[in-house]
ModelCIF file with pLDDT and N, C-alpha, C, O atoms, coordinates in Angstrom:
data_MODEL
#
_entry.id   MODEL 
#
_entity.id                         1 
_entity.type                       polymer 
_entity.pdbx_number_of_molecules   1 
#
_entity_poly.entity_id                      1 
_entity_poly.type                           'polypeptide(L)' 
_entity_poly.nstd_linkage                   no 
_entity_poly.nstd_monomer                   no 
_entity_poly.pdbx_seq_one_letter_code       
;(UNK)(UNK)(UNK)(UNK)(UNK)(UNK)(UNK)(UNK)(UNK)(UNK)(UNK)(UNK)(UNK)(UNK)(UNK)(UNK)
(UNK)(UNK)(UNK)(UNK)(UNK)(UNK)(UNK)(UNK)(UNK)(UNK)(UNK)(UNK)(UNK)(UNK)(UNK)(UNK)
(UNK)(UNK)(UNK)(UNK)(UNK)(UNK)(UNK)(UNK)
;
_entity_poly.pdbx_seq_one_letter_code_can   XXXXXXXXXXXXXXXXXXXXXXXXXXXXXXXXXXXXXXXX 
_entity_poly.pdbx_strand_id                 A 
#
loop_
_entity_poly_seq.entity_id 
_entity_poly_seq.num 
_entity_poly_seq.mon_id 
_entity_poly_seq.hetero 
1 1  UNK n 
1 2  UNK n 
1 3  UNK n 
1 4  UNK n 
1 5  UNK n 
1 6  UNK n 
1 7  UNK n 
1 8  UNK n 
1 9  UNK n 
1 10 UNK n 
1 11 UNK n 
1 12 UNK n 
1 13 UNK n 
1 14 UNK n 
1 15 UNK n 
1 16 UNK n 
1 17 UNK n 
1 18 UNK n 
1 19 UNK n 
1 20 UNK n 
1 21 UNK n 
1 22 UNK n 
1 23 UNK n 
1 24 UNK n 
1 25 UNK n 
1 26 UNK n 
1 27 UNK n 
1 28 UNK n 
1 29 UNK n 
1 30 UNK n 
1 31 UNK n 
1 32 UNK n 
1 33 UNK n 
1 34 UNK n 
1 35 UNK n 
1 36 UNK n 
1 37 UNK n 
1 38 UNK n 
1 39 UNK n 
1 40 UNK n 
#
_struct_asym.id          A 
_struct_asym.entity_id   1 
#
loop_
_ma_qa_metric.id 
_ma_qa_metric.mode 
_ma_qa_metric.name 
_ma_qa_metric.software_group_id 
_ma_qa_metric.type 
1 global pLDDT . pLDDT 
2 local  pLDDT . pLDDT 
#
_ma_qa_metric_global.metric_id      1 
_ma_qa_metric_global.metric_value   79.70 
_ma_qa_metric_global.model_id       1 
_ma_qa_metric_global.ordinal_id     1 
#
loop_
_ma_qa_metric_local.label_asym_id 
_ma_qa_metric_local.label_comp_id 
_ma_qa_metric_local.label_seq_id 
_ma_qa_metric_local.metric_id 
_ma_qa_metric_local.metric_value 
_ma_qa_metric_local.model_id 
_ma_qa_metric_local.ordinal_id 
A UNK 1  2 81.00 1 1  
A UNK 2  2 79.00 1 2  
A UNK 3  2 75.00 1 3  
A UNK 4  2 79.00 1 4  
A UNK 5  2 77.00 1 5  
A UNK 6  2 73.00 1 6  
A UNK 7  2 72.00 1 7  
A UNK 8  2 75.00 1 8  
A UNK 9  2 73.00 1 9  
A UNK 10 2 74.00 1 10 
A UNK 11 2 72.00 1 11 
A UNK 12 2 77.00 1 12 
A UNK 13 2 79.00 1 13 
A UNK 14 2 81.00 1 14 
A UNK 15 2 80.00 1 15 
A UNK 16 2 81.00 1 16 
A UNK 17 2 82.00 1 17 
A UNK 18 2 80.00 1 18 
A UNK 19 2 79.00 1 19 
A UNK 20 2 82.00 1 20 
A UNK 21 2 80.00 1 21 
A UNK 22 2 77.00 1 22 
A UNK 23 2 79.00 1 23 
A UNK 24 2 81.00 1 24 
A UNK 25 2 79.00 1 25 
A UNK 26 2 77.00 1 26 
A UNK 27 2 81.00 1 27 
A UNK 28 2 82.00 1 28 
A UNK 29 2 81.00 1 29 
A UNK 30 2 81.00 1 30 
A UNK 31 2 81.00 1 31 
A UNK 32 2 83.00 1 32 
A UNK 33 2 84.00 1 33 
A UNK 34 2 83.00 1 34 
A UNK 35 2 83.00 1 35 
A UNK 36 2 85.00 1 36 
A UNK 37 2 85.00 1 37 
A UNK 38 2 84.00 1 38 
A UNK 39 2 85.00 1 39 
A UNK 40 2 86.00 1 40 
#
loop_
_atom_site.group_PDB 
_atom_site.id 
_atom_site.type_symbol 
_atom_site.label_atom_id 
_atom_site.label_alt_id 
_atom_site.label_comp_id 
_atom_site.label_asym_id 
_atom_site.label_entity_id 
_atom_site.label_seq_id 
_atom_site.pdbx_PDB_ins_code 
_atom_site.Cartn_x 
_atom_site.Cartn_y 
_atom_site.Cartn_z 
_atom_site.occupancy 
_atom_site.B_iso_or_equiv 
_atom_site.pdbx_formal_charge 
_atom_site.auth_seq_id 
_atom_site.auth_comp_id 
_atom_site.auth_asym_id 
_atom_site.auth_atom_id 
_atom_site.pdbx_PDB_model_num 
ATOM 1   N N  . UNK A 1 1  ? 7.040   5.419   -5.179 1.00 81.00 ? 1  UNK A N  1 
ATOM 2   C CA . UNK A 1 1  ? 7.185   6.814   -5.591 1.00 81.00 ? 1  UNK A CA 1 
ATOM 3   C C  . UNK A 1 1  ? 6.770   7.359   -4.814 1.00 81.00 ? 1  UNK A C  1 
ATOM 4   O O  . UNK A 1 1  ? 7.579   8.053   -4.196 1.00 81.00 ? 1  UNK A O  1 
ATOM 5   N N  . UNK A 1 2  ? 5.236   7.409   -4.328 1.00 79.00 ? 2  UNK A N  1 
ATOM 6   C CA . UNK A 1 2  ? 4.481   8.600   -3.928 1.00 79.00 ? 2  UNK A CA 1 
ATOM 7   C C  . UNK A 1 2  ? 5.059   8.495   -2.496 1.00 79.00 ? 2  UNK A C  1 
ATOM 8   O O  . UNK A 1 2  ? 4.913   9.609   -1.992 1.00 79.00 ? 2  UNK A O  1 
ATOM 9   N N  . UNK A 1 3  ? 5.734   7.533   -1.488 1.00 75.00 ? 3  UNK A N  1 
ATOM 10  C CA . UNK A 1 3  ? 5.855   7.347   -0.237 1.00 75.00 ? 3  UNK A CA 1 
ATOM 11  C C  . UNK A 1 3  ? 7.374   7.978   -0.213 1.00 75.00 ? 3  UNK A C  1 
ATOM 12  O O  . UNK A 1 3  ? 7.831   8.613   0.737  1.00 75.00 ? 3  UNK A O  1 
ATOM 13  N N  . UNK A 1 4  ? 8.012   7.709   -1.333 1.00 79.00 ? 4  UNK A N  1 
ATOM 14  C CA . UNK A 1 4  ? 9.278   8.517   -1.474 1.00 79.00 ? 4  UNK A CA 1 
ATOM 15  C C  . UNK A 1 4  ? 9.074   10.182  -1.240 1.00 79.00 ? 4  UNK A C  1 
ATOM 16  O O  . UNK A 1 4  ? 9.595   10.977  -0.458 1.00 79.00 ? 4  UNK A O  1 
ATOM 17  N N  . UNK A 1 5  ? 8.135   10.305  -2.224 1.00 77.00 ? 5  UNK A N  1 
ATOM 18  C CA . UNK A 1 5  ? 8.103   12.009  -2.445 1.00 77.00 ? 5  UNK A CA 1 
ATOM 19  C C  . UNK A 1 5  ? 7.924   12.502  -0.931 1.00 77.00 ? 5  UNK A C  1 
ATOM 20  O O  . UNK A 1 5  ? 8.655   13.315  -0.366 1.00 77.00 ? 5  UNK A O  1 
ATOM 21  N N  . UNK A 1 6  ? 6.724   11.802  -0.341 1.00 73.00 ? 6  UNK A N  1 
ATOM 22  C CA . UNK A 1 6  ? 6.520   12.262  1.321  1.00 73.00 ? 6  UNK A CA 1 
ATOM 23  C C  . UNK A 1 6  ? 7.571   12.140  2.450  1.00 73.00 ? 6  UNK A C  1 
ATOM 24  O O  . UNK A 1 6  ? 7.468   12.532  3.612  1.00 73.00 ? 6  UNK A O  1 
ATOM 25  N N  . UNK A 1 7  ? 8.883   11.336  1.686  1.00 72.00 ? 7  UNK A N  1 
ATOM 26  C CA . UNK A 1 7  ? 10.083  11.275  2.831  1.00 72.00 ? 7  UNK A CA 1 
ATOM 27  C C  . UNK A 1 7  ? 10.453  10.175  3.402  1.00 72.00 ? 7  UNK A C  1 
ATOM 28  O O  . UNK A 1 7  ? 11.394  10.106  4.193  1.00 72.00 ? 7  UNK A O  1 
ATOM 29  N N  . UNK A 1 8  ? 9.694   9.163   3.023  1.00 75.00 ? 8  UNK A N  1 
ATOM 30  C CA . UNK A 1 8  ? 10.048  8.116   3.290  1.00 75.00 ? 8  UNK A CA 1 
ATOM 31  C C  . UNK A 1 8  ? 10.962  7.215   2.830  1.00 75.00 ? 8  UNK A C  1 
ATOM 32  O O  . UNK A 1 8  ? 10.991  6.903   1.640  1.00 75.00 ? 8  UNK A O  1 
ATOM 33  N N  . UNK A 1 9  ? 12.037  6.567   3.987  1.00 73.00 ? 9  UNK A N  1 
ATOM 34  C CA . UNK A 1 9  ? 13.158  6.155   3.408  1.00 73.00 ? 9  UNK A CA 1 
ATOM 35  C C  . UNK A 1 9  ? 13.082  4.809   2.515  1.00 73.00 ? 9  UNK A C  1 
ATOM 36  O O  . UNK A 1 9  ? 12.466  3.977   3.180  1.00 73.00 ? 9  UNK A O  1 
ATOM 37  N N  . UNK A 1 10 ? 13.412  4.351   1.451  1.00 74.00 ? 10 UNK A N  1 
ATOM 38  C CA . UNK A 1 10 ? 13.394  2.827   0.762  1.00 74.00 ? 10 UNK A CA 1 
ATOM 39  C C  . UNK A 1 10 ? 12.984  1.627   1.284  1.00 74.00 ? 10 UNK A C  1 
ATOM 40  O O  . UNK A 1 10 ? 12.140  0.831   0.873  1.00 74.00 ? 10 UNK A O  1 
ATOM 41  N N  . UNK A 1 11 ? 13.916  1.602   2.542  1.00 72.00 ? 11 UNK A N  1 
ATOM 42  C CA . UNK A 1 11 ? 13.998  0.494   3.150  1.00 72.00 ? 11 UNK A CA 1 
ATOM 43  C C  . UNK A 1 11 ? 12.370  -0.010  3.801  1.00 72.00 ? 11 UNK A C  1 
ATOM 44  O O  . UNK A 1 11 ? 11.737  -1.056  3.663  1.00 72.00 ? 11 UNK A O  1 
ATOM 45  N N  . UNK A 1 12 ? 12.104  1.145   4.475  1.00 77.00 ? 12 UNK A N  1 
ATOM 46  C CA . UNK A 1 12 ? 11.076  1.037   5.172  1.00 77.00 ? 12 UNK A CA 1 
ATOM 47  C C  . UNK A 1 12 ? 9.891   1.356   4.720  1.00 77.00 ? 12 UNK A C  1 
ATOM 48  O O  . UNK A 1 12 ? 8.857   1.064   5.321  1.00 77.00 ? 12 UNK A O  1 
ATOM 49  N N  . UNK A 1 13 ? 9.929   1.963   3.660  1.00 79.00 ? 13 UNK A N  1 
ATOM 50  C CA . UNK A 1 13 ? 8.232   2.061   2.327  1.00 79.00 ? 13 UNK A CA 1 
ATOM 51  C C  . UNK A 1 13 ? 8.413   0.899   2.152  1.00 79.00 ? 13 UNK A C  1 
ATOM 52  O O  . UNK A 1 13 ? 7.430   0.348   2.648  1.00 79.00 ? 13 UNK A O  1 
ATOM 53  N N  . UNK A 1 14 ? 9.202   0.015   1.666  1.00 81.00 ? 14 UNK A N  1 
ATOM 54  C CA . UNK A 1 14 ? 9.147   -1.416  1.008  1.00 81.00 ? 14 UNK A CA 1 
ATOM 55  C C  . UNK A 1 14 ? 8.255   -2.328  1.846  1.00 81.00 ? 14 UNK A C  1 
ATOM 56  O O  . UNK A 1 14 ? 7.379   -3.093  1.442  1.00 81.00 ? 14 UNK A O  1 
ATOM 57  N N  . UNK A 1 15 ? 8.778   -2.021  3.475  1.00 80.00 ? 15 UNK A N  1 
ATOM 58  C CA . UNK A 1 15 ? 7.985   -3.019  4.228  1.00 80.00 ? 15 UNK A CA 1 
ATOM 59  C C  . UNK A 1 15 ? 6.555   -2.692  4.364  1.00 80.00 ? 15 UNK A C  1 
ATOM 60  O O  . UNK A 1 15 ? 5.680   -3.556  4.420  1.00 80.00 ? 15 UNK A O  1 
ATOM 61  N N  . UNK A 1 16 ? 6.325   -1.344  4.419  1.00 81.00 ? 16 UNK A N  1 
ATOM 62  C CA . UNK A 1 16 ? 5.173   -0.429  4.160  1.00 81.00 ? 16 UNK A CA 1 
ATOM 63  C C  . UNK A 1 16 ? 4.169   -0.812  3.313  1.00 81.00 ? 16 UNK A C  1 
ATOM 64  O O  . UNK A 1 16 ? 2.968   -0.912  3.565  1.00 81.00 ? 16 UNK A O  1 
ATOM 65  N N  . UNK A 1 17 ? 5.021   -1.115  1.820  1.00 82.00 ? 17 UNK A N  1 
ATOM 66  C CA . UNK A 1 17 ? 3.897   -1.238  0.972  1.00 82.00 ? 17 UNK A CA 1 
ATOM 67  C C  . UNK A 1 17 ? 3.706   -2.766  1.360  1.00 82.00 ? 17 UNK A C  1 
ATOM 68  O O  . UNK A 1 17 ? 2.559   -3.184  1.517  1.00 82.00 ? 17 UNK A O  1 
ATOM 69  N N  . UNK A 1 18 ? 4.492   -3.376  1.476  1.00 80.00 ? 18 UNK A N  1 
ATOM 70  C CA . UNK A 1 18 ? 4.645   -5.268  1.747  1.00 80.00 ? 18 UNK A CA 1 
ATOM 71  C C  . UNK A 1 18 ? 3.670   -5.528  2.454  1.00 80.00 ? 18 UNK A C  1 
ATOM 72  O O  . UNK A 1 18 ? 2.766   -6.280  2.090  1.00 80.00 ? 18 UNK A O  1 
ATOM 73  N N  . UNK A 1 19 ? 3.726   -4.809  3.818  1.00 79.00 ? 19 UNK A N  1 
ATOM 74  C CA . UNK A 1 19 ? 2.287   -4.747  4.444  1.00 79.00 ? 19 UNK A CA 1 
ATOM 75  C C  . UNK A 1 19 ? 0.781   -4.476  4.167  1.00 79.00 ? 19 UNK A C  1 
ATOM 76  O O  . UNK A 1 19 ? -0.221  -5.042  4.601  1.00 79.00 ? 19 UNK A O  1 
ATOM 77  N N  . UNK A 1 20 ? 0.917   -3.552  3.406  1.00 82.00 ? 20 UNK A N  1 
ATOM 78  C CA . UNK A 1 20 ? -0.322  -3.004  2.567  1.00 82.00 ? 20 UNK A CA 1 
ATOM 79  C C  . UNK A 1 20 ? -0.887  -3.904  1.779  1.00 82.00 ? 20 UNK A C  1 
ATOM 80  O O  . UNK A 1 20 ? -2.077  -4.190  1.908  1.00 82.00 ? 20 UNK A O  1 
ATOM 81  N N  . UNK A 1 21 ? 0.042   -4.567  0.695  1.00 80.00 ? 21 UNK A N  1 
ATOM 82  C CA . UNK A 1 21 ? -0.374  -5.618  0.095  1.00 80.00 ? 21 UNK A CA 1 
ATOM 83  C C  . UNK A 1 21 ? -0.614  -6.631  0.786  1.00 80.00 ? 21 UNK A C  1 
ATOM 84  O O  . UNK A 1 21 ? -1.094  -7.316  -0.118 1.00 80.00 ? 21 UNK A O  1 
ATOM 85  N N  . UNK A 1 22 ? -0.674  -7.431  1.890  1.00 77.00 ? 22 UNK A N  1 
ATOM 86  C CA . UNK A 1 22 ? -0.509  -7.968  2.344  1.00 77.00 ? 22 UNK A CA 1 
ATOM 87  C C  . UNK A 1 22 ? -2.432  -8.001  3.064  1.00 77.00 ? 22 UNK A C  1 
ATOM 88  O O  . UNK A 1 22 ? -3.136  -9.004  3.189  1.00 77.00 ? 22 UNK A O  1 
ATOM 89  N N  . UNK A 1 23 ? -2.757  -6.715  3.366  1.00 79.00 ? 23 UNK A N  1 
ATOM 90  C CA . UNK A 1 23 ? -3.956  -6.365  3.812  1.00 79.00 ? 23 UNK A CA 1 
ATOM 91  C C  . UNK A 1 23 ? -4.931  -6.174  2.468  1.00 79.00 ? 23 UNK A C  1 
ATOM 92  O O  . UNK A 1 23 ? -6.145  -6.358  2.567  1.00 79.00 ? 23 UNK A O  1 
ATOM 93  N N  . UNK A 1 24 ? -4.467  -5.889  1.527  1.00 81.00 ? 24 UNK A N  1 
ATOM 94  C CA . UNK A 1 24 ? -5.114  -5.720  0.391  1.00 81.00 ? 24 UNK A CA 1 
ATOM 95  C C  . UNK A 1 24 ? -5.731  -6.953  -0.229 1.00 81.00 ? 24 UNK A C  1 
ATOM 96  O O  . UNK A 1 24 ? -6.860  -7.018  -0.717 1.00 81.00 ? 24 UNK A O  1 
ATOM 97  N N  . UNK A 1 25 ? -4.609  -8.168  -0.123 1.00 79.00 ? 25 UNK A N  1 
ATOM 98  C CA . UNK A 1 25 ? -4.886  -9.658  -0.344 1.00 79.00 ? 25 UNK A CA 1 
ATOM 99  C C  . UNK A 1 25 ? -6.205  -10.110 0.444  1.00 79.00 ? 25 UNK A C  1 
ATOM 100 O O  . UNK A 1 25 ? -7.078  -10.851 -0.006 1.00 79.00 ? 25 UNK A O  1 
ATOM 101 N N  . UNK A 1 26 ? -6.170  -9.428  1.896  1.00 77.00 ? 26 UNK A N  1 
ATOM 102 C CA . UNK A 1 26 ? -7.147  -10.118 2.661  1.00 77.00 ? 26 UNK A CA 1 
ATOM 103 C C  . UNK A 1 26 ? -8.193  -9.352  2.681  1.00 77.00 ? 26 UNK A C  1 
ATOM 104 O O  . UNK A 1 26 ? -9.163  -10.025 3.031  1.00 77.00 ? 26 UNK A O  1 
ATOM 105 N N  . UNK A 1 27 ? -8.587  -7.815  2.390  1.00 81.00 ? 27 UNK A N  1 
ATOM 106 C CA . UNK A 1 27 ? -10.000 -7.380  2.342  1.00 81.00 ? 27 UNK A CA 1 
ATOM 107 C C  . UNK A 1 27 ? -10.093 -7.238  1.218  1.00 81.00 ? 27 UNK A C  1 
ATOM 108 O O  . UNK A 1 27 ? -11.244 -7.541  0.901  1.00 81.00 ? 27 UNK A O  1 
ATOM 109 N N  . UNK A 1 28 ? -9.244  -6.789  -0.037 1.00 82.00 ? 28 UNK A N  1 
ATOM 110 C CA . UNK A 1 28 ? -10.316 -6.770  -1.429 1.00 82.00 ? 28 UNK A CA 1 
ATOM 111 C C  . UNK A 1 28 ? -11.071 -7.389  -1.850 1.00 82.00 ? 28 UNK A C  1 
ATOM 112 O O  . UNK A 1 28 ? -12.102 -6.876  -2.284 1.00 82.00 ? 28 UNK A O  1 
ATOM 113 N N  . UNK A 1 29 ? -10.873 -8.675  -1.890 1.00 81.00 ? 29 UNK A N  1 
ATOM 114 C CA . UNK A 1 29 ? -11.760 -9.789  -2.320 1.00 81.00 ? 29 UNK A CA 1 
ATOM 115 C C  . UNK A 1 29 ? -13.328 -9.598  -1.845 1.00 81.00 ? 29 UNK A C  1 
ATOM 116 O O  . UNK A 1 29 ? -14.167 -9.969  -2.666 1.00 81.00 ? 29 UNK A O  1 
ATOM 117 N N  . UNK A 1 30 ? -13.806 -9.049  -0.585 1.00 81.00 ? 30 UNK A N  1 
ATOM 118 C CA . UNK A 1 30 ? -14.679 -8.841  0.191  1.00 81.00 ? 30 UNK A CA 1 
ATOM 119 C C  . UNK A 1 30 ? -15.217 -7.579  -0.294 1.00 81.00 ? 30 UNK A C  1 
ATOM 120 O O  . UNK A 1 30 ? -16.368 -7.317  -0.642 1.00 81.00 ? 30 UNK A O  1 
ATOM 121 N N  . UNK A 1 31 ? -14.169 -6.836  -0.254 1.00 81.00 ? 31 UNK A N  1 
ATOM 122 C CA . UNK A 1 31 ? -14.729 -5.214  0.186  1.00 81.00 ? 31 UNK A CA 1 
ATOM 123 C C  . UNK A 1 31 ? -13.289 -4.419  -1.145 1.00 81.00 ? 31 UNK A C  1 
ATOM 124 O O  . UNK A 1 31 ? -12.187 -4.087  -0.710 1.00 81.00 ? 31 UNK A O  1 
ATOM 125 N N  . UNK A 1 32 ? -13.634 -4.276  -2.569 1.00 83.00 ? 32 UNK A N  1 
ATOM 126 C CA . UNK A 1 32 ? -12.823 -3.765  -3.177 1.00 83.00 ? 32 UNK A CA 1 
ATOM 127 C C  . UNK A 1 32 ? -12.792 -2.340  -3.305 1.00 83.00 ? 32 UNK A C  1 
ATOM 128 O O  . UNK A 1 32 ? -13.924 -1.873  -3.433 1.00 83.00 ? 32 UNK A O  1 
ATOM 129 N N  . UNK A 1 33 ? -11.774 -1.410  -3.314 1.00 84.00 ? 33 UNK A N  1 
ATOM 130 C CA . UNK A 1 33 ? -11.587 -0.195  -3.077 1.00 84.00 ? 33 UNK A CA 1 
ATOM 131 C C  . UNK A 1 33 ? -11.992 0.010   -4.705 1.00 84.00 ? 33 UNK A C  1 
ATOM 132 O O  . UNK A 1 33 ? -12.077 -0.837  -5.594 1.00 84.00 ? 33 UNK A O  1 
ATOM 133 N N  . UNK A 1 34 ? -12.196 1.393   -4.743 1.00 83.00 ? 34 UNK A N  1 
ATOM 134 C CA . UNK A 1 34 ? -12.612 2.122   -6.031 1.00 83.00 ? 34 UNK A CA 1 
ATOM 135 C C  . UNK A 1 34 ? -11.429 2.723   -6.652 1.00 83.00 ? 34 UNK A C  1 
ATOM 136 O O  . UNK A 1 34 ? -11.239 2.837   -7.863 1.00 83.00 ? 34 UNK A O  1 
ATOM 137 N N  . UNK A 1 35 ? -10.650 3.097   -5.701 1.00 83.00 ? 35 UNK A N  1 
ATOM 138 C CA . UNK A 1 35 ? -9.151  3.894   -6.072 1.00 83.00 ? 35 UNK A CA 1 
ATOM 139 C C  . UNK A 1 35 ? -7.827  2.546   -5.559 1.00 83.00 ? 35 UNK A C  1 
ATOM 140 O O  . UNK A 1 35 ? -7.185  2.694   -4.519 1.00 83.00 ? 35 UNK A O  1 
ATOM 141 N N  . UNK A 1 36 ? -7.656  1.531   -6.321 1.00 85.00 ? 36 UNK A N  1 
ATOM 142 C CA . UNK A 1 36 ? -6.958  0.631   -5.715 1.00 85.00 ? 36 UNK A CA 1 
ATOM 143 C C  . UNK A 1 36 ? -5.458  1.327   -5.526 1.00 85.00 ? 36 UNK A C  1 
ATOM 144 O O  . UNK A 1 36 ? -4.996  0.927   -4.457 1.00 85.00 ? 36 UNK A O  1 
ATOM 145 N N  . UNK A 1 37 ? -4.634  2.141   -6.133 1.00 85.00 ? 37 UNK A N  1 
ATOM 146 C CA . UNK A 1 37 ? -3.870  3.011   -5.775 1.00 85.00 ? 37 UNK A CA 1 
ATOM 147 C C  . UNK A 1 37 ? -3.763  3.740   -4.636 1.00 85.00 ? 37 UNK A C  1 
ATOM 148 O O  . UNK A 1 37 ? -2.905  3.584   -3.767 1.00 85.00 ? 37 UNK A O  1 
ATOM 149 N N  . UNK A 1 38 ? -4.600  4.499   -4.647 1.00 84.00 ? 38 UNK A N  1 
ATOM 150 C CA . UNK A 1 38 ? -4.949  5.445   -3.774 1.00 84.00 ? 38 UNK A CA 1 
ATOM 151 C C  . UNK A 1 38 ? -5.248  4.693   -2.411 1.00 84.00 ? 38 UNK A C  1 
ATOM 152 O O  . UNK A 1 38 ? -4.766  5.216   -1.406 1.00 84.00 ? 38 UNK A O  1 
ATOM 153 N N  . UNK A 1 39 ? -5.978  3.539   -2.254 1.00 85.00 ? 39 UNK A N  1 
ATOM 154 C CA . UNK A 1 39 ? -6.168  2.754   -1.008 1.00 85.00 ? 39 UNK A CA 1 
ATOM 155 C C  . UNK A 1 39 ? -4.911  2.349   -0.631 1.00 85.00 ? 39 UNK A C  1 
ATOM 156 O O  . UNK A 1 39 ? -4.690  2.551   0.563  1.00 85.00 ? 39 UNK A O  1 
ATOM 157 N N  . UNK A 1 40 ? -3.537  1.576   -1.578 1.00 86.00 ? 40 UNK A N  1 
ATOM 158 C CA . UNK A 1 40 ? -2.635  1.157   -1.009 1.00 86.00 ? 40 UNK A CA 1 
ATOM 159 C C  . UNK A 1 40 ? -1.782  2.550   -0.528 1.00 86.00 ? 40 UNK A C  1 
ATOM 160 O O  . UNK A 1 40 ? -0.739  2.444   0.117  1.00 86.00 ? 40 UNK A O  1 
#
């Protein structure tokens, strides 16, 4: 929703969020963010 309000088309936004999730799975166990949604 945030990416959509910033003007991102849905298909590309989905891919971008998917990549962010992959990065979260890789880094959060070692360095969890204080604001998960903001980080994503």
